[in-house]
Amino acid sequence: VSQAERRSAAFRRENEGLRNELSLKEVKLEEAEVLIRRLSSKLIGAEDQLLEKDEIIIELRDENAELQSDLSEKRLALQRMQLERDSNCVNTEQKSGRKSRGLQG
């Protein structure tokens, strides 16, 4: 076997080894691409869920603001009613005091 034939055989073995290595790397690359597509899909799904939750949060905040406003209005109305009641009680007491003084006099 000549030196050229030995070299040629060595190159063929090396070439075959490199082809096998390349094939393995191509398989790993395809697996990585599949994984990336799956993760991208999951990420898009997660982003959609976050957007939905953000929308719900915004709606809840708006509803909370409306409820706070309603509560403030009702508190003011209650305070007015209490002031009226207190004022009526004072007026009633003053009138009854005058009448009792008038009866005594």
C-alpha atoms as a PDB file:
ATOM      1  CA  VAL A   1       0.000   0.000   0.000  1.00  0.00           C
ATOM      2  CA  SER A   2       1.492   3.252  -1.065  1.00  0.00           C
ATOM      3  CA  GLN A   3       1.832   6.314   1.061  1.00  0.00           C
ATOM      4  CA  ALA A   4      -0.719   8.137  -1.121  1.00  0.00           C
ATOM      5  CA  GLU A   5      -3.246   5.356  -0.542  1.00  0.00           C
ATOM      6  CA  ARG A   6      -2.655   5.465   3.226  1.00  0.00           C
ATOM      7  CA  ARG A   7      -3.150   9.225   3.201  1.00  0.00           C
ATOM      8  CA  SER A   8      -6.272   8.867   1.106  1.00  0.00           C
ATOM      9  CA  ALA A   9      -7.666   6.260   3.539  1.00  0.00           C
ATOM     10  CA  ALA A  10      -6.826   8.494   6.506  1.00  0.00           C
ATOM     11  CA  PHE A  11      -8.554  11.454   4.846  1.00  0.00           C
ATOM     12  CA  ARG A  12     -11.610   9.284   4.097  1.00  0.00           C
ATOM     13  CA  ARG A  13     -11.812   8.176   7.774  1.00  0.00           C
ATOM     14  CA  GLU A  14     -11.371  11.732   8.960  1.00  0.00           C
ATOM     15  CA  ASN A  15     -13.949  12.923   6.427  1.00  0.00           C
ATOM     16  CA  GLU A  16     -16.385  10.212   7.558  1.00  0.00           C
ATOM     17  CA  GLY A  17     -15.843  11.211  11.198  1.00  0.00           C
ATOM     18  CA  LEU A  18     -16.474  14.858  10.360  1.00  0.00           C
ATOM     19  CA  ARG A  19     -19.634  13.911   8.443  1.00  0.00           C
ATOM     20  CA  ASN A  20     -20.898  11.928  11.446  1.00  0.00           C
ATOM     21  CA  GLU A  21     -20.087  14.842  13.755  1.00  0.00           C
ATOM     22  CA  LEU A  22     -21.872  17.224  11.376  1.00  0.00           C
ATOM     23  CA  SER A  23     -24.914  14.934  11.271  1.00  0.00           C
ATOM     24  CA  LEU A  24     -25.049  14.844  15.078  1.00  0.00           C
ATOM     25  CA  LYS A  25     -24.779  18.616  15.235  1.00  0.00           C
ATOM     26  CA  GLU A  26     -27.542  18.988  12.636  1.00  0.00           C
ATOM     27  CA  VAL A  27     -29.789  16.731  14.723  1.00  0.00           C
ATOM     28  CA  LYS A  28     -29.001  18.781  17.845  1.00  0.00           C
ATOM     29  CA  LEU A  29     -29.702  21.963  15.906  1.00  0.00           C
ATOM     30  CA  GLU A  30     -33.081  20.628  14.756  1.00  0.00           C
ATOM     31  CA  GLU A  31     -33.901  19.642  18.349  1.00  0.00           C
ATOM     32  CA  ALA A  32     -32.911  23.119  19.512  1.00  0.00           C
ATOM     33  CA  GLU A  33     -35.095  24.717  16.819  1.00  0.00           C
ATOM     34  CA  VAL A  34     -38.068  22.585  17.908  1.00  0.00           C
ATOM     35  CA  LEU A  35     -37.441  23.560  21.522  1.00  0.00           C
ATOM     36  CA  ILE A  36     -37.185  27.234  20.563  1.00  0.00           C
ATOM     37  CA  ARG A  37     -40.518  27.016  18.688  1.00  0.00           C
ATOM     38  CA  ARG A  38     -42.175  25.364  21.712  1.00  0.00           C
ATOM     39  CA  LEU A  39     -40.755  27.964  24.078  1.00  0.00           C
ATOM     40  CA  SER A  40     -41.767  30.784  21.739  1.00  0.00           C
ATOM     41  CA  SER A  41     -45.295  29.401  21.653  1.00  0.00           C
ATOM     42  CA  LYS A  42     -45.373  29.152  25.454  1.00  0.00           C
ATOM     43  CA  LEU A  43     -43.988  32.682  25.737  1.00  0.00           C
ATOM     44  CA  ILE A  44     -46.676  34.025  23.425  1.00  0.00           C
ATOM     45  CA  GLY A  45     -49.301  32.223  25.500  1.00  0.00           C
ATOM     46  CA  ALA A  46     -47.853  33.663  28.705  1.00  0.00           C
ATOM     47  CA  GLU A  47     -47.785  37.151  27.196  1.00  0.00           C
ATOM     48  CA  ASP A  48     -51.441  36.780  26.184  1.00  0.00           C
ATOM     49  CA  GLN A  49     -52.323  35.735  29.727  1.00  0.00           C
ATOM     50  CA  LEU A  50     -50.441  38.737  31.129  1.00  0.00           C
ATOM     51  CA  LEU A  51     -52.293  41.072  28.787  1.00  0.00           C
ATOM     52  CA  GLU A  52     -55.618  39.566  29.857  1.00  0.00           C
ATOM     53  CA  LYS A  53     -54.665  39.951  33.517  1.00  0.00           C
ATOM     54  CA  ASP A  54     -53.559  43.543  32.899  1.00  0.00           C
ATOM     55  CA  GLU A  55     -56.948  44.249  31.328  1.00  0.00           C
ATOM     56  CA  ILE A  56     -58.705  42.693  34.316  1.00  0.00           C
ATOM     57  CA  ILE A  57     -56.565  44.764  36.696  1.00  0.00           C
ATOM     58  CA  ILE A  58     -57.438  47.946  34.803  1.00  0.00           C
ATOM     59  CA  GLU A  59     -61.145  47.053  34.916  1.00  0.00           C
ATOM     60  CA  LEU A  60     -60.927  46.319  38.637  1.00  0.00           C
ATOM     61  CA  ARG A  61     -59.131  49.597  39.293  1.00  0.00           C
ATOM     62  CA  ASP A  62     -61.797  51.501  37.363  1.00  0.00           C
ATOM     63  CA  GLU A  63     -64.536  49.703  39.285  1.00  0.00           C
ATOM     64  CA  ASN A  64     -62.734  50.408  42.554  1.00  0.00           C
ATOM     65  CA  ALA A  65     -62.479  54.097  41.697  1.00  0.00           C
ATOM     66  CA  GLU A  66     -66.222  54.203  40.967  1.00  0.00           C
ATOM     67  CA  LEU A  67     -66.997  52.431  44.242  1.00  0.00           C
ATOM     68  CA  GLN A  68     -64.732  54.818  46.151  1.00  0.00           C
ATOM     69  CA  SER A  69     -66.526  57.754  44.559  1.00  0.00           C
ATOM     70  CA  ASP A  70     -69.930  56.278  45.428  1.00  0.00           C
ATOM     71  CA  LEU A  71     -68.754  55.656  48.970  1.00  0.00           C
ATOM     72  CA  SER A  72     -67.553  59.248  49.318  1.00  0.00           C
ATOM     73  CA  GLU A  73     -70.901  60.566  48.063  1.00  0.00           C
ATOM     74  CA  LYS A  74     -72.780  58.332  50.498  1.00  0.00           C
ATOM     75  CA  ARG A  75     -70.570  59.440  53.376  1.00  0.00           C
ATOM     76  CA  LEU A  76     -71.258  63.077  52.534  1.00  0.00           C
ATOM     77  CA  ALA A  77     -74.989  62.378  52.325  1.00  0.00           C
ATOM     78  CA  LEU A  78     -74.862  60.600  55.685  1.00  0.00           C
ATOM     79  CA  GLN A  79     -72.997  63.516  57.254  1.00  0.00           C
ATOM     80  CA  ARG A  80     -75.628  65.930  55.883  1.00  0.00           C
ATOM     81  CA  MET A  81     -78.404  63.763  57.298  1.00  0.00           C
ATOM     82  CA  GLN A  82     -76.663  63.606  60.671  1.00  0.00           C
ATOM     83  CA  LEU A  83     -76.220  67.388  60.686  1.00  0.00           C
ATOM     84  CA  GLU A  84     -79.900  67.853  59.835  1.00  0.00           C
ATOM     85  CA  ARG A  85     -80.901  65.425  62.564  1.00  0.00           C
ATOM     86  CA  ASP A  86     -78.640  67.133  65.082  1.00  0.00           C
ATOM     87  CA  SER A  87     -79.999  70.526  64.010  1.00  0.00           C
ATOM     88  CA  ASN A  88     -83.587  69.278  64.339  1.00  0.00           C
ATOM     89  CA  CYS A  89     -82.815  67.858  67.789  1.00  0.00           C
ATOM     90  CA  VAL A  90     -81.364  71.200  68.905  1.00  0.00           C
ATOM     91  CA  ASN A  91     -84.372  73.069  67.483  1.00  0.00           C
ATOM     92  CA  THR A  92     -86.759  70.686  69.185  1.00  0.00           C
ATOM     93  CA  GLU A  93     -84.924  71.041  72.491  1.00  0.00           C
ATOM     94  CA  GLN A  94     -84.977  74.823  72.190  1.00  0.00           C
ATOM     95  CA  LYS A  95     -88.701  74.859  71.425  1.00  0.00           C
ATOM     96  CA  SER A  96     -89.507  72.486  74.274  1.00  0.00           C
ATOM     97  CA  GLY A  97     -87.315  74.589  76.586  1.00  0.00           C
ATOM     98  CA  ARG A  98     -89.215  77.733  75.661  1.00  0.00           C
ATOM     99  CA  LYS A  99     -92.542  76.039  76.219  1.00  0.00           C
ATOM    100  CA  SER A 100     -91.499  74.746  79.619  1.00  0.00           C
ATOM    101  CA  ARG A 101     -90.207  78.184  80.603  1.00  0.00           C
ATOM    102  CA  GLY A 102     -93.419  79.713  79.346  1.00  0.00           C
ATOM    103  CA  LEU A 103     -95.501  77.363  81.469  1.00  0.00           C
ATOM    104  CA  GLN A 104     -93.405  78.104  84.523  1.00  0.00           C
ATOM    105  CA  GLY A 105     -93.616  81.868  84.044  1.00  0.00           C
END
